[in-house]
Structure formats: C-alpha cells, structure tokens
C-alpha cells in the first residue's frame, strides 16, 4: 500500500519521499547555480518548480540564501 511504502522509505532514508525529492532538487540547484550559466528561471523549470519565484522562495527557505546570492557567493 502507499502508506506502507512511505513508512518503509522513511525508515530507510529518515524522511518521507517528497522531502527526499525536494532535498535532491535543492542539491541539484546548487550544482546548476555554481557550475552553469543557466538562468534562475531555466534552473527552476529544469528541476520541476512551477516558476522561478516559487523556486527562489523555496531555495532561500532551505538554504538561507537566494539563488542569486548563492550563485555570487565566493
């Protein structure tokens, strides 16, 4: 069942599948922001966010920095 799958996933990875997916998306965003010239809008769309504004807000909530600040941080 779905609930059993989520429970098993959480036991294995420590977080539910949706949270794990979001963690992976943020890690991918960090790679794109540091290693590419893709626009923030392109990165948001590549990672499945509905738009760049939601992506920017979510990224800042998770990392403490906006995507632009993260990209420009040395």
Foldseek 3Di string as FASTA:
>chain_A
DVVVVQVVVCVVPVHGPVVVLVVVLLVVLLCCLAPHPDDLQVSCVVSPHPGSVVVQVVNCVVPVDGSVCSSPPD
